Amino acid sequence: MKFNNNQIKIIENLINDRVFYLRENIGYCQNYLPDCRNNHELEENKKAITTSTKELNSLIEFKSYILSNQELTLKWIF
């Protein structure tokens, strides 16, 4: 994929916003684990942590891919 500079900035901002939300969600769920009243709540929080962590890792990987391609493109230009 090739992106222009404006698209890259927009994508980076969207990714950064989502990463912030996911980190907050993971922290909230981890802090709430001791307060779960039943097994269902406990399992739902653990599931939310797992799902958020997977998405977080995927977004970080995607951002790295975009940035590495941007660097390669810049090297070809200069």
N, C-alpha and C. Protein backbone atom coordinates (compact mmCIF):
# COMPACT_ATOMS: atom_id res chain seq x y z
N MET A 1 0.83 -1.18 0.00
CA MET A 1 0.00 0.00 0.00
C MET A 1 0.88 1.24 0.00
N LYS A 2 0.45 2.20 -0.76
CA LYS A 2 1.15 3.49 -0.76
C LYS A 2 0.18 4.55 -0.26
N PHE A 3 0.66 5.36 0.65
CA PHE A 3 -0.14 6.42 1.23
C PHE A 3 0.58 7.75 1.03
N ASN A 4 -0.19 8.81 0.81
CA ASN A 4 0.46 10.13 0.77
C ASN A 4 0.62 10.61 2.21
N ASN A 5 1.35 11.70 2.38
CA ASN A 5 1.68 12.17 3.74
C ASN A 5 0.45 12.49 4.57
N ASN A 6 -0.57 13.10 3.96
CA ASN A 6 -1.79 13.43 4.71
C ASN A 6 -2.51 12.16 5.17
N GLN A 7 -2.56 11.17 4.30
CA GLN A 7 -3.20 9.90 4.68
C GLN A 7 -2.44 9.23 5.82
N ILE A 8 -1.14 9.28 5.76
CA ILE A 8 -0.32 8.67 6.81
C ILE A 8 -0.57 9.35 8.15
N LYS A 9 -0.64 10.68 8.15
CA LYS A 9 -0.89 11.40 9.40
C LYS A 9 -2.27 11.07 9.96
N ILE A 10 -3.27 10.97 9.09
CA ILE A 10 -4.62 10.62 9.53
C ILE A 10 -4.64 9.21 10.11
N ILE A 11 -4.01 8.28 9.42
CA ILE A 11 -3.96 6.89 9.89
C ILE A 11 -3.23 6.81 11.23
N GLU A 12 -2.11 7.51 11.33
CA GLU A 12 -1.35 7.51 12.59
C GLU A 12 -2.19 8.06 13.73
N ASN A 13 -2.89 9.15 13.49
CA ASN A 13 -3.73 9.73 14.54
C ASN A 13 -4.85 8.77 14.95
N LEU A 14 -5.47 8.12 13.99
CA LEU A 14 -6.54 7.16 14.30
C LEU A 14 -5.98 5.99 15.10
N ILE A 15 -4.83 5.50 14.68
CA ILE A 15 -4.20 4.39 15.40
C ILE A 15 -3.83 4.82 16.81
N ASN A 16 -3.23 5.99 16.95
CA ASN A 16 -2.83 6.48 18.27
C ASN A 16 -4.03 6.63 19.20
N ASP A 17 -5.13 7.16 18.67
CA ASP A 17 -6.35 7.30 19.48
C ASP A 17 -6.86 5.94 19.93
N ARG A 18 -6.87 4.99 19.01
CA ARG A 18 -7.37 3.65 19.35
C ARG A 18 -6.43 2.96 20.34
N VAL A 19 -5.14 3.12 20.17
CA VAL A 19 -4.16 2.53 21.09
C VAL A 19 -4.37 3.10 22.49
N PHE A 20 -4.58 4.40 22.59
CA PHE A 20 -4.84 5.02 23.89
C PHE A 20 -6.08 4.41 24.53
N TYR A 21 -7.17 4.29 23.76
CA TYR A 21 -8.41 3.72 24.29
C TYR A 21 -8.18 2.27 24.75
N LEU A 22 -7.49 1.48 23.94
CA LEU A 22 -7.27 0.07 24.29
C LEU A 22 -6.44 -0.06 25.57
N ARG A 23 -5.42 0.76 25.71
CA ARG A 23 -4.60 0.72 26.92
C ARG A 23 -5.42 1.10 28.15
N GLU A 24 -6.25 2.12 27.99
CA GLU A 24 -7.15 2.51 29.09
C GLU A 24 -8.10 1.37 29.44
N ASN A 25 -8.66 0.73 28.43
CA ASN A 25 -9.62 -0.36 28.64
C ASN A 25 -8.94 -1.55 29.33
N ILE A 26 -7.75 -1.88 28.89
CA ILE A 26 -7.01 -2.99 29.51
C ILE A 26 -6.74 -2.68 30.98
N GLY A 27 -6.29 -1.46 31.25
CA GLY A 27 -6.01 -1.06 32.63
C GLY A 27 -7.25 -1.09 33.49
N TYR A 28 -8.35 -0.59 32.95
CA TYR A 28 -9.61 -0.59 33.71
C TYR A 28 -10.05 -2.02 34.02
N CYS A 29 -10.01 -2.88 33.02
CA CYS A 29 -10.44 -4.27 33.23
C CYS A 29 -9.53 -4.99 34.23
N GLN A 30 -8.22 -4.74 34.14
CA GLN A 30 -7.29 -5.38 35.08
C GLN A 30 -7.54 -4.90 36.51
N ASN A 31 -7.81 -3.61 36.65
CA ASN A 31 -8.08 -3.08 37.99
C ASN A 31 -9.40 -3.60 38.55
N TYR A 32 -10.34 -3.91 37.68
CA TYR A 32 -11.66 -4.35 38.12
C TYR A 32 -11.69 -5.85 38.45
N LEU A 33 -10.72 -6.61 37.99
CA LEU A 33 -10.74 -8.07 38.21
C LEU A 33 -10.97 -8.48 39.66
N PRO A 34 -10.29 -7.86 40.63
CA PRO A 34 -10.53 -8.28 42.03
C PRO A 34 -11.94 -7.98 42.53
N ASP A 35 -12.63 -7.05 41.87
CA ASP A 35 -13.96 -6.65 42.32
C ASP A 35 -15.10 -7.40 41.63
N CYS A 36 -14.77 -8.32 40.75
CA CYS A 36 -15.81 -9.07 40.04
C CYS A 36 -16.64 -9.86 41.05
N ARG A 37 -17.95 -9.80 40.87
CA ARG A 37 -18.85 -10.43 41.83
C ARG A 37 -19.13 -11.90 41.53
N ASN A 38 -18.91 -12.31 40.28
CA ASN A 38 -19.17 -13.70 39.94
C ASN A 38 -18.23 -14.14 38.80
N ASN A 39 -18.27 -15.42 38.49
CA ASN A 39 -17.39 -15.97 37.47
C ASN A 39 -17.65 -15.38 36.09
N HIS A 40 -18.92 -15.08 35.82
CA HIS A 40 -19.27 -14.52 34.51
C HIS A 40 -18.58 -13.16 34.31
N GLU A 41 -18.65 -12.30 35.30
CA GLU A 41 -17.98 -10.99 35.22
C GLU A 41 -16.48 -11.15 35.08
N LEU A 42 -15.92 -12.09 35.83
CA LEU A 42 -14.49 -12.34 35.78
C LEU A 42 -14.08 -12.80 34.38
N GLU A 43 -14.82 -13.74 33.81
CA GLU A 43 -14.50 -14.25 32.47
C GLU A 43 -14.68 -13.17 31.40
N GLU A 44 -15.71 -12.35 31.53
CA GLU A 44 -15.93 -11.27 30.56
C GLU A 44 -14.80 -10.25 30.61
N ASN A 45 -14.32 -9.93 31.79
CA ASN A 45 -13.20 -8.99 31.90
C ASN A 45 -11.91 -9.59 31.34
N LYS A 46 -11.67 -10.85 31.63
CA LYS A 46 -10.49 -11.51 31.07
C LYS A 46 -10.57 -11.55 29.54
N LYS A 47 -11.77 -11.82 29.03
CA LYS A 47 -11.98 -11.85 27.58
C LYS A 47 -11.73 -10.47 26.97
N ALA A 48 -12.22 -9.42 27.63
CA ALA A 48 -12.01 -8.06 27.15
C ALA A 48 -10.52 -7.71 27.15
N ILE A 49 -9.80 -8.14 28.16
CA ILE A 49 -8.35 -7.88 28.22
C ILE A 49 -7.65 -8.59 27.07
N THR A 50 -7.99 -9.84 26.84
CA THR A 50 -7.37 -10.62 25.76
C THR A 50 -7.67 -10.01 24.40
N THR A 51 -8.92 -9.67 24.16
CA THR A 51 -9.32 -9.09 22.89
C THR A 51 -8.65 -7.74 22.66
N SER A 52 -8.62 -6.90 23.68
CA SER A 52 -7.99 -5.59 23.57
C SER A 52 -6.48 -5.71 23.34
N THR A 53 -5.86 -6.66 24.00
CA THR A 53 -4.42 -6.86 23.84
C THR A 53 -4.09 -7.31 22.42
N LYS A 54 -4.90 -8.22 21.88
CA LYS A 54 -4.68 -8.68 20.49
C LYS A 54 -4.83 -7.52 19.51
N GLU A 55 -5.88 -6.72 19.69
CA GLU A 55 -6.09 -5.58 18.80
C GLU A 55 -4.95 -4.57 18.94
N LEU A 56 -4.53 -4.32 20.16
CA LEU A 56 -3.44 -3.39 20.42
C LEU A 56 -2.17 -3.84 19.69
N ASN A 57 -1.83 -5.11 19.81
CA ASN A 57 -0.64 -5.64 19.14
C ASN A 57 -0.76 -5.53 17.62
N SER A 58 -1.94 -5.81 17.10
CA SER A 58 -2.16 -5.71 15.65
C SER A 58 -2.01 -4.27 15.17
N LEU A 59 -2.54 -3.33 15.92
CA LEU A 59 -2.43 -1.92 15.53
C LEU A 59 -0.98 -1.45 15.57
N ILE A 60 -0.25 -1.86 16.58
CA ILE A 60 1.16 -1.48 16.67
C ILE A 60 1.94 -2.08 15.50
N GLU A 61 1.65 -3.31 15.16
CA GLU A 61 2.30 -3.96 14.02
C GLU A 61 1.95 -3.23 12.72
N PHE A 62 0.68 -2.86 12.55
CA PHE A 62 0.24 -2.15 11.35
C PHE A 62 0.92 -0.78 11.25
N LYS A 63 1.00 -0.07 12.36
CA LYS A 63 1.65 1.24 12.36
C LYS A 63 3.13 1.09 12.00
N SER A 64 3.78 0.09 12.53
CA SER A 64 5.18 -0.16 12.21
C SER A 64 5.35 -0.45 10.72
N TYR A 65 4.43 -1.23 10.16
CA TYR A 65 4.46 -1.55 8.73
C TYR A 65 4.34 -0.29 7.89
N ILE A 66 3.39 0.56 8.25
CA ILE A 66 3.19 1.81 7.50
C ILE A 66 4.43 2.70 7.58
N LEU A 67 4.97 2.84 8.78
CA LEU A 67 6.14 3.70 8.97
C LEU A 67 7.37 3.15 8.25
N SER A 68 7.53 1.83 8.26
CA SER A 68 8.69 1.25 7.57
C SER A 68 8.55 1.43 6.06
N ASN A 69 7.34 1.31 5.53
CA ASN A 69 7.13 1.53 4.11
C ASN A 69 7.34 2.99 3.75
N GLN A 70 6.96 3.88 4.64
CA GLN A 70 7.17 5.31 4.41
C GLN A 70 8.67 5.60 4.34
N GLU A 71 9.44 5.01 5.23
CA GLU A 71 10.89 5.21 5.22
C GLU A 71 11.50 4.68 3.94
N LEU A 72 11.05 3.51 3.48
CA LEU A 72 11.56 2.94 2.24
C LEU A 72 11.23 3.84 1.05
N THR A 73 10.03 4.39 1.04
CA THR A 73 9.61 5.28 -0.03
C THR A 73 10.47 6.54 -0.04
N LEU A 74 10.71 7.09 1.16
CA LEU A 74 11.55 8.29 1.24
C LEU A 74 12.97 8.02 0.75
N LYS A 75 13.51 6.84 1.02
CA LYS A 75 14.85 6.51 0.57
C LYS A 75 14.90 6.46 -0.95
N TRP A 76 13.83 5.97 -1.58
CA TRP A 76 13.80 5.90 -3.04
C TRP A 76 13.68 7.27 -3.67
N ILE A 77 13.01 8.19 -2.98
CA ILE A 77 12.82 9.54 -3.51
C ILE A 77 14.14 10.30 -3.50
N PHE A 78 14.91 10.16 -2.43
CA PHE A 78 16.17 10.89 -2.30
C PHE A 78 17.28 10.01 -2.76
